[in-house]
Amino acid sequence: MIPFTIDQFLRVFEEYNLAIWPMQIVAYLLGVAILTLTATKIRSTGQIISAILAAFWLWMGGVYHI
């Protein structure tokens, strides 16, 4: 038995998304950048992609849980 209702659980996501509103656009743009980088022959592509993914993980660990 979970300690919250489904509505309460979904409300957390709604409040989070409303609180960080313009950042969704940034996240989508970074995702497109990752996809674009996978098709390029830039020498440091792996490092750039890793840095973007690390930023996503840090965001989830820091901002979402706060």
C-alpha atoms as a PDB file:
ATOM      1  CA  MET A   1       0.000   0.000   0.000  1.00  0.00           C
ATOM      2  CA  ILE A   2       1.480   3.348  -1.049  1.00  0.00           C
ATOM      3  CA  PRO A   3       1.313   6.317   1.335  1.00  0.00           C
ATOM      4  CA  PHE A   4      -0.237   8.659  -1.244  1.00  0.00           C
ATOM      5  CA  THR A   5      -2.959   8.624  -3.872  1.00  0.00           C
ATOM      6  CA  ILE A   6      -2.370   8.577  -7.599  1.00  0.00           C
ATOM      7  CA  ASP A   7      -3.754  12.125  -7.777  1.00  0.00           C
ATOM      8  CA  GLN A   8      -1.222  13.325  -5.200  1.00  0.00           C
ATOM      9  CA  PHE A   9       1.583  11.602  -7.104  1.00  0.00           C
ATOM     10  CA  LEU A  10       0.597  13.203 -10.405  1.00  0.00           C
ATOM     11  CA  ARG A  11       0.155  16.574  -8.689  1.00  0.00           C
ATOM     12  CA  VAL A  12       3.865  16.517  -7.742  1.00  0.00           C
ATOM     13  CA  PHE A  13       4.803  16.275 -11.437  1.00  0.00           C
ATOM     14  CA  GLU A  14       2.345  19.022 -12.343  1.00  0.00           C
ATOM     15  CA  GLU A  15       3.737  21.386  -9.706  1.00  0.00           C
ATOM     16  CA  TYR A  16       7.325  20.578 -10.686  1.00  0.00           C
ATOM     17  CA  ASN A  17       6.674  21.271 -14.357  1.00  0.00           C
ATOM     18  CA  LEU A  18       4.894  24.529 -13.588  1.00  0.00           C
ATOM     19  CA  ALA A  19       7.709  25.644 -11.290  1.00  0.00           C
ATOM     20  CA  ILE A  20      10.469  25.113 -13.870  1.00  0.00           C
ATOM     21  CA  TRP A  21       8.446  26.170 -16.914  1.00  0.00           C
ATOM     22  CA  PRO A  22      11.005  27.574 -19.362  1.00  0.00           C
ATOM     23  CA  MET A  23      13.551  24.850 -18.579  1.00  0.00           C
ATOM     24  CA  GLN A  24      11.575  22.226 -20.529  1.00  0.00           C
ATOM     25  CA  ILE A  25      12.464  24.089 -23.711  1.00  0.00           C
ATOM     26  CA  VAL A  26      16.142  24.063 -22.740  1.00  0.00           C
ATOM     27  CA  ALA A  27      15.955  20.334 -22.017  1.00  0.00           C
ATOM     28  CA  TYR A  28      14.422  19.608 -25.421  1.00  0.00           C
ATOM     29  CA  LEU A  29      17.057  21.737 -27.150  1.00  0.00           C
ATOM     30  CA  LEU A  30      19.840  19.906 -25.316  1.00  0.00           C
ATOM     31  CA  GLY A  31      18.260  16.597 -26.329  1.00  0.00           C
ATOM     32  CA  VAL A  32      18.240  17.694 -29.965  1.00  0.00           C
ATOM     33  CA  ALA A  33      21.860  18.809 -29.561  1.00  0.00           C
ATOM     34  CA  ILE A  34      22.783  15.325 -28.314  1.00  0.00           C
ATOM     35  CA  LEU A  35      21.075  13.705 -31.294  1.00  0.00           C
ATOM     36  CA  THR A  36      22.814  16.112 -33.652  1.00  0.00           C
ATOM     37  CA  LEU A  37      26.193  15.463 -32.046  1.00  0.00           C
ATOM     38  CA  THR A  38      25.814  11.707 -32.529  1.00  0.00           C
ATOM     39  CA  ALA A  39      25.758  12.318 -36.281  1.00  0.00           C
ATOM     40  CA  THR A  40      28.808  14.592 -36.380  1.00  0.00           C
ATOM     41  CA  LYS A  41      32.489  13.778 -36.551  1.00  0.00           C
ATOM     42  CA  ILE A  42      33.657  16.284 -33.940  1.00  0.00           C
ATOM     43  CA  ARG A  43      36.585  14.992 -31.913  1.00  0.00           C
ATOM     44  CA  SER A  44      35.105  15.837 -28.508  1.00  0.00           C
ATOM     45  CA  THR A  45      31.551  14.673 -29.234  1.00  0.00           C
ATOM     46  CA  GLY A  46      31.610  12.036 -26.507  1.00  0.00           C
ATOM     47  CA  GLN A  47      32.743  14.528 -23.897  1.00  0.00           C
ATOM     48  CA  ILE A  48      30.088  17.067 -24.874  1.00  0.00           C
ATOM     49  CA  ILE A  49      27.322  14.462 -24.795  1.00  0.00           C
ATOM     50  CA  SER A  50      28.581  13.171 -21.444  1.00  0.00           C
ATOM     51  CA  ALA A  51      28.589  16.704 -20.035  1.00  0.00           C
ATOM     52  CA  ILE A  52      25.001  17.319 -21.151  1.00  0.00           C
ATOM     53  CA  LEU A  53      23.837  14.011 -19.702  1.00  0.00           C
ATOM     54  CA  ALA A  54      25.698  14.749 -16.458  1.00  0.00           C
ATOM     55  CA  ALA A  55      23.924  18.109 -16.286  1.00  0.00           C
ATOM     56  CA  PHE A  56      20.592  16.310 -16.686  1.00  0.00           C
ATOM     57  CA  TRP A  57      21.466  13.923 -13.836  1.00  0.00           C
ATOM     58  CA  LEU A  58      22.609  16.782 -11.604  1.00  0.00           C
ATOM     59  CA  TRP A  59      19.404  18.664 -12.350  1.00  0.00           C
ATOM     60  CA  MET A  60      17.291  15.649 -11.408  1.00  0.00           C
ATOM     61  CA  GLY A  61      19.318  14.997  -8.268  1.00  0.00           C
ATOM     62  CA  GLY A  62      19.427  18.606  -7.149  1.00  0.00           C
ATOM     63  CA  VAL A  63      16.415  20.507  -8.404  1.00  0.00           C
ATOM     64  CA  TYR A  64      13.695  17.871  -8.563  1.00  0.00           C
ATOM     65  CA  HIS A  65      14.364  16.495  -5.097  1.00  0.00           C
ATOM     66  CA  ILE A  66      14.555  19.955  -3.520  1.00  0.00           C
END
